[in-house]
Amino acid sequence: MFRRAFWFTAGAAAGVWATTKVNRQLKKLTPESLAAQAADKALEAGHRLKDFALDVKAGMTQREDELNDALGLTQDPDRPDNVTALPGPRRLRAIENDKTTHRTKFSYNRNEDH
C-alpha cells in the first residue's frame, strides 16, 4: 500500500513539475515576450556599441596626445579658439633653389640613366 502511495505521489509531483516547465516555456514564446526579449537585446547591443565608441574615442585622444608630444606640437593657451599650433614650414635642402643659377642644386635628368 505504501509503495503505491509513494509512486502515486512521485507521479503527481513529476506531472506538476513538467506542467510548470511547459507553461513557462509557452509564456516565453508568446509574441509579447519575444518582443520584450528582442528589445532587451537591442538595448544591450546599443550599450555595448556606445561603450566601444567611447573606448575608441579615448584611445584616439590618447594616441593623438602621444603623437603631439612626439612631434613637439603643443596647445597655445593664448589663442582664443585653442587650436593646436603647428611648427613653421621646413625647407628641404635638396630642392632649394640655387641663388646664382636659379636652378635646383640636384636636378634629375631621366635621360642620364640610359
Protein backbone atom coordinates (compact mmCIF):
# COMPACT_ATOMS: atom_id res chain seq x y z
CA MET A 1 0.00 0.00 0.00
CA PHE A 2 2.78 2.43 0.87
CA ARG A 3 4.57 1.60 -2.33
CA ARG A 4 1.52 2.55 -4.40
CA ALA A 5 1.07 5.78 -2.45
CA PHE A 6 4.75 6.64 -2.95
CA TRP A 7 4.62 6.11 -6.71
CA PHE A 8 1.31 7.95 -6.99
CA THR A 9 2.81 10.95 -5.17
CA ALA A 10 6.02 10.80 -7.22
CA GLY A 11 3.99 10.69 -10.46
CA ALA A 12 1.81 13.59 -9.38
CA ALA A 13 4.88 15.65 -8.44
CA ALA A 14 6.53 14.85 -11.78
CA GLY A 15 3.34 15.86 -13.59
CA VAL A 16 3.13 19.18 -11.74
CA TRP A 17 6.82 19.85 -12.39
CA ALA A 18 6.51 19.03 -16.11
CA THR A 19 3.34 21.14 -16.47
CA THR A 20 5.04 24.09 -14.79
CA LYS A 21 8.08 23.79 -17.08
CA VAL A 22 5.90 23.58 -20.20
CA ASN A 23 3.82 26.60 -19.14
CA ARG A 24 6.99 28.68 -18.51
CA GLN A 25 8.33 27.80 -21.96
CA LEU A 26 5.00 28.66 -23.58
CA LYS A 27 4.99 32.04 -21.84
CA LYS A 28 8.49 32.69 -23.16
CA LEU A 29 7.29 32.04 -26.71
CA THR A 30 4.35 34.44 -26.71
CA PRO A 31 4.68 37.38 -29.14
CA GLU A 32 4.80 39.91 -26.28
CA SER A 33 7.58 38.03 -24.53
CA LEU A 34 9.57 37.63 -27.76
CA ALA A 35 9.21 41.36 -28.48
CA ALA A 36 10.38 42.23 -24.98
CA GLN A 37 13.37 39.90 -25.31
CA ALA A 38 14.28 41.43 -28.68
CA ALA A 39 14.01 44.94 -27.22
CA ASP A 40 16.23 43.98 -24.29
CA LYS A 41 18.84 42.50 -26.64
CA ALA A 42 18.74 45.62 -28.83
CA LEU A 43 19.26 47.87 -25.79
CA GLU A 44 22.13 45.70 -24.61
CA ALA A 45 23.75 45.82 -28.07
CA GLY A 46 23.31 49.60 -28.14
CA HIS A 47 25.02 49.97 -24.77
CA ARG A 48 27.88 47.76 -25.90
CA LEU A 49 28.26 49.78 -29.09
CA LYS A 50 28.26 53.03 -27.11
CA ASP A 51 30.92 51.67 -24.74
CA PHE A 52 33.00 50.57 -27.72
CA ALA A 53 32.72 54.01 -29.33
CA LEU A 54 33.76 55.69 -26.07
CA ASP A 55 36.76 53.35 -25.78
CA VAL A 56 37.78 54.11 -29.36
CA LYS A 57 37.45 57.85 -28.75
CA ALA A 58 39.55 57.62 -25.57
CA GLY A 59 42.19 55.62 -27.44
CA MET A 60 42.22 58.15 -30.27
CA THR A 61 42.66 61.02 -27.83
CA GLN A 62 45.47 59.22 -26.03
CA ARG A 63 47.25 58.41 -29.29
CA GLU A 64 46.80 61.97 -30.54
CA ASP A 65 48.39 63.28 -27.33
CA GLU A 66 51.29 60.84 -27.76
CA LEU A 67 51.83 61.96 -31.35
CA ASN A 68 51.60 65.64 -30.39
CA ASP A 69 54.24 65.08 -27.71
CA ALA A 70 56.46 63.17 -30.14
CA LEU A 71 56.16 65.86 -32.82
CA GLY A 72 56.52 68.76 -30.41
CA LEU A 73 53.05 70.13 -31.04
CA THR A 74 51.59 71.96 -28.07
CA GLN A 75 48.43 73.80 -27.20
CA ASP A 76 48.78 77.59 -27.14
CA PRO A 77 46.66 78.86 -24.21
CA ASP A 78 46.73 82.45 -25.57
CA ARG A 79 44.78 81.55 -28.70
CA PRO A 80 41.05 82.09 -28.25
CA ASP A 81 40.00 79.02 -30.23
CA ASN A 82 42.68 76.83 -28.58
CA VAL A 83 43.79 75.35 -31.90
CA THR A 84 46.91 73.21 -31.96
CA ALA A 85 49.91 75.29 -33.03
CA LEU A 86 51.96 73.77 -35.82
CA PRO A 87 55.69 74.35 -36.26
CA GLY A 88 56.85 76.66 -39.03
CA PRO A 89 57.44 75.40 -42.56
CA ARG A 90 60.65 73.50 -43.22
CA ARG A 91 62.61 73.64 -46.42
CA LEU A 92 64.43 70.70 -47.87
CA ARG A 93 67.98 71.40 -48.99
CA ALA A 94 67.75 69.03 -51.92
CA ILE A 95 65.11 71.16 -53.60
CA GLU A 96 66.21 74.65 -52.56
CA ASN A 97 66.92 76.99 -55.43
CA ASP A 98 70.50 77.93 -56.06
CA LYS A 99 70.82 81.73 -55.83
CA THR A 100 73.27 82.07 -58.74
CA THR A 101 71.79 79.83 -61.41
CA HIS A 102 68.14 79.84 -60.33
CA ARG A 103 68.13 76.09 -60.82
CA THR A 104 67.78 73.37 -58.29
CA LYS A 105 71.01 72.01 -56.86
CA PHE A 106 70.20 68.40 -57.66
CA SER A 107 68.35 68.22 -60.92
CA TYR A 108 67.31 64.85 -62.16
CA ASN A 109 67.59 64.07 -65.84
CA ARG A 110 65.91 60.79 -66.67
CA ASN A 111 67.90 60.51 -69.92
CA GLU A 112 71.16 60.13 -67.97
CA ASP A 113 70.15 56.68 -66.75
CA HIS A 114 70.12 55.11 -70.23
